[in-house]
Structure formats: structure tokens, C-alpha cells
Amino acid sequence: MAEPQELPPLAPEQKRWALGAAALFLLAMGFLGFSLNTGIMRPFAIGWVALQIFGYVGAIRMAKGDFAHPLFKSQIMLHIMAATLLIVVIARAFS
């Protein structure tokens, strides 16, 4: 049986972008839990998680595993904008 190949270590820039993607995904999962519990913005929460899953998987496949690829970075920036819009909507609801 062939032994699995060792993957090369990630560069610091790749680690930062992967951490950013993971943090945004955890934020989306947290909001999904809150949304399913309260019923507030349920379609947005479900769609945001689904968009992240398909977006990150597609981007990382097209980038051939490079977390610092511009396509993967653009996915992260897209979800930062979604998080910003969510924060603005919540702030408007409380003001």
C-alpha cells in the first residue's frame, strides 16, 4: 500500500487567509444557529452558509490549493462585505 504524501507547509500569508476564511465561516455558523433558534433572517443565514461552502470549495479547487490565490481572497472579501451588511442591518434594527 502506498503511503500518503506529505503536504508542503503553508506560507504565513496562506495561514492568514485560511484563518480569515475559517473565522468568517464560524461567524456564519453562529448566526445560523441564532437564526434557527429565533427565526430572524433565516433565509439569509442558510444562504450565507451555503454560499460560503460552495464558494470556498470552488475557489480552492480552481486555485489548486493555494489559500493566498486572488480568487480565494476575493471569496473572503465577498463574505466580509456580507458580514458588514449583516452588522449594519442589526445596528439599524436597534437604532
C-alpha atoms as a PDB file:
ATOM      1  CA  MET A   1       0.000   0.000   0.000  1.00  0.00           C
ATOM      2  CA  ALA A   2       1.308   3.446  -0.913  1.00  0.00           C
ATOM      3  CA  GLU A   3       1.997   5.860   1.900  1.00  0.00           C
ATOM      4  CA  PRO A   4       0.179   9.196   1.834  1.00  0.00           C
ATOM      5  CA  GLN A   5       2.274  12.086   0.592  1.00  0.00           C
ATOM      6  CA  GLU A   6       3.288  14.845   2.957  1.00  0.00           C
ATOM      7  CA  LEU A   7       1.779  18.190   2.089  1.00  0.00           C
ATOM      8  CA  PRO A   8       4.115  21.183   1.954  1.00  0.00           C
ATOM      9  CA  PRO A   9       3.829  23.611   4.880  1.00  0.00           C
ATOM     10  CA  LEU A  10       1.665  26.675   4.388  1.00  0.00           C
ATOM     11  CA  ALA A  11       3.275  30.065   3.983  1.00  0.00           C
ATOM     12  CA  PRO A  12       2.392  32.706   6.606  1.00  0.00           C
ATOM     13  CA  GLU A  13       0.233  34.598   4.081  1.00  0.00           C
ATOM     14  CA  GLN A  14      -1.695  31.408   3.288  1.00  0.00           C
ATOM     15  CA  LYS A  15      -2.245  30.793   7.001  1.00  0.00           C
ATOM     16  CA  ARG A  16      -3.659  34.298   7.473  1.00  0.00           C
ATOM     17  CA  TRP A  17      -6.127  33.948   4.596  1.00  0.00           C
ATOM     18  CA  ALA A  18      -7.167  30.471   5.761  1.00  0.00           C
ATOM     19  CA  LEU A  19      -7.719  31.841   9.281  1.00  0.00           C
ATOM     20  CA  GLY A  20      -9.839  34.670   7.858  1.00  0.00           C
ATOM     21  CA  ALA A  21     -11.979  32.207   5.924  1.00  0.00           C
ATOM     22  CA  ALA A  22     -12.396  29.999   8.986  1.00  0.00           C
ATOM     23  CA  ALA A  23     -13.360  32.971  11.181  1.00  0.00           C
ATOM     24  CA  LEU A  24     -15.989  34.121   8.677  1.00  0.00           C
ATOM     25  CA  PHE A  25     -17.358  30.592   8.398  1.00  0.00           C
ATOM     26  CA  LEU A  26     -17.637  30.319  12.190  1.00  0.00           C
ATOM     27  CA  LEU A  27     -19.401  33.699  12.276  1.00  0.00           C
ATOM     28  CA  ALA A  28     -21.867  32.465   9.652  1.00  0.00           C
ATOM     29  CA  MET A  29     -22.448  29.218  11.554  1.00  0.00           C
ATOM     30  CA  GLY A  30     -23.043  31.162  14.766  1.00  0.00           C
ATOM     31  CA  PHE A  31     -25.534  33.422  13.038  1.00  0.00           C
ATOM     32  CA  LEU A  32     -27.211  30.359  11.514  1.00  0.00           C
ATOM     33  CA  GLY A  33     -27.664  28.870  14.988  1.00  0.00           C
ATOM     34  CA  PHE A  34     -29.082  32.141  16.282  1.00  0.00           C
ATOM     35  CA  SER A  35     -31.348  32.441  13.253  1.00  0.00           C
ATOM     36  CA  LEU A  36     -32.700  28.902  13.519  1.00  0.00           C
ATOM     37  CA  ASN A  37     -33.381  29.463  17.216  1.00  0.00           C
ATOM     38  CA  THR A  38     -35.187  32.802  16.803  1.00  0.00           C
ATOM     39  CA  GLY A  39     -36.441  32.665  13.210  1.00  0.00           C
ATOM     40  CA  ILE A  40     -34.839  36.038  12.424  1.00  0.00           C
ATOM     41  CA  MET A  41     -33.360  36.301   8.894  1.00  0.00           C
ATOM     42  CA  ARG A  42     -33.451  32.522   8.426  1.00  0.00           C
ATOM     43  CA  PRO A  43     -33.165  32.560   4.576  1.00  0.00           C
ATOM     44  CA  PHE A  44     -30.138  34.865   4.741  1.00  0.00           C
ATOM     45  CA  ALA A  45     -28.407  32.707   7.347  1.00  0.00           C
ATOM     46  CA  ILE A  46     -28.948  29.476   5.422  1.00  0.00           C
ATOM     47  CA  GLY A  47     -27.942  31.068   2.133  1.00  0.00           C
ATOM     48  CA  TRP A  48     -24.820  32.650   3.592  1.00  0.00           C
ATOM     49  CA  VAL A  49     -23.532  29.333   4.925  1.00  0.00           C
ATOM     50  CA  ALA A  50     -24.339  27.572   1.641  1.00  0.00           C
ATOM     51  CA  LEU A  51     -22.657  30.352  -0.348  1.00  0.00           C
ATOM     52  CA  GLN A  52     -19.536  30.037   1.792  1.00  0.00           C
ATOM     53  CA  ILE A  53     -19.340  26.267   1.423  1.00  0.00           C
ATOM     54  CA  PHE A  54     -19.730  26.284  -2.359  1.00  0.00           C
ATOM     55  CA  GLY A  55     -17.643  29.446  -2.805  1.00  0.00           C
ATOM     56  CA  TYR A  56     -14.683  28.331  -0.714  1.00  0.00           C
ATOM     57  CA  VAL A  57     -14.631  24.812  -2.170  1.00  0.00           C
ATOM     58  CA  GLY A  58     -14.873  26.082  -5.736  1.00  0.00           C
ATOM     59  CA  ALA A  59     -12.266  28.785  -5.208  1.00  0.00           C
ATOM     60  CA  ILE A  60      -9.763  26.482  -3.520  1.00  0.00           C
ATOM     61  CA  ARG A  61     -10.180  23.889  -6.295  1.00  0.00           C
ATOM     62  CA  MET A  62      -9.613  26.473  -9.018  1.00  0.00           C
ATOM     63  CA  ALA A  63      -6.677  27.909  -7.050  1.00  0.00           C
ATOM     64  CA  LYS A  64      -5.143  24.405  -6.810  1.00  0.00           C
ATOM     65  CA  GLY A  65      -4.977  24.550  -3.013  1.00  0.00           C
ATOM     66  CA  ASP A  66      -3.384  27.993  -2.699  1.00  0.00           C
ATOM     67  CA  PHE A  67      -5.098  29.927   0.096  1.00  0.00           C
ATOM     68  CA  ALA A  68      -3.324  33.125  -0.990  1.00  0.00           C
ATOM     69  CA  HIS A  69      -4.668  32.938  -4.574  1.00  0.00           C
ATOM     70  CA  PRO A  70      -6.584  36.061  -5.687  1.00  0.00           C
ATOM     71  CA  LEU A  71      -9.733  34.021  -6.350  1.00  0.00           C
ATOM     72  CA  PHE A  72      -9.781  32.694  -2.785  1.00  0.00           C
ATOM     73  CA  LYS A  73      -9.028  36.165  -1.440  1.00  0.00           C
ATOM     74  CA  SER A  74     -11.982  37.572  -3.391  1.00  0.00           C
ATOM     75  CA  GLN A  75     -14.254  34.961  -1.788  1.00  0.00           C
ATOM     76  CA  ILE A  76     -13.117  36.114   1.640  1.00  0.00           C
ATOM     77  CA  MET A  77     -13.693  39.764   0.739  1.00  0.00           C
ATOM     78  CA  LEU A  78     -17.179  38.896  -0.535  1.00  0.00           C
ATOM     79  CA  HIS A  79     -18.041  37.360   2.824  1.00  0.00           C
ATOM     80  CA  ILE A  80     -16.529  40.293   4.703  1.00  0.00           C
ATOM     81  CA  MET A  81     -18.979  42.502   2.789  1.00  0.00           C
ATOM     82  CA  ALA A  82     -21.842  40.155   3.709  1.00  0.00           C
ATOM     83  CA  ALA A  83     -20.817  40.303   7.375  1.00  0.00           C
ATOM     84  CA  THR A  84     -20.620  44.107   7.180  1.00  0.00           C
ATOM     85  CA  LEU A  85     -24.113  44.299   5.698  1.00  0.00           C
ATOM     86  CA  LEU A  86     -25.400  41.985   8.434  1.00  0.00           C
ATOM     87  CA  ILE A  87     -23.851  44.197  11.124  1.00  0.00           C
ATOM     88  CA  VAL A  88     -25.363  47.322   9.513  1.00  0.00           C
ATOM     89  CA  VAL A  89     -28.826  45.716   9.374  1.00  0.00           C
ATOM     90  CA  ILE A  90     -28.594  44.700  13.039  1.00  0.00           C
ATOM     91  CA  ALA A  91     -27.381  48.180  14.029  1.00  0.00           C
ATOM     92  CA  ARG A  92     -30.264  49.788  12.120  1.00  0.00           C
ATOM     93  CA  ALA A  93     -32.747  47.494  13.875  1.00  0.00           C
ATOM     94  CA  PHE A  94     -31.562  48.662  17.289  1.00  0.00           C
ATOM     95  CA  SER A  95     -31.463  52.382  16.463  1.00  0.00           C
END
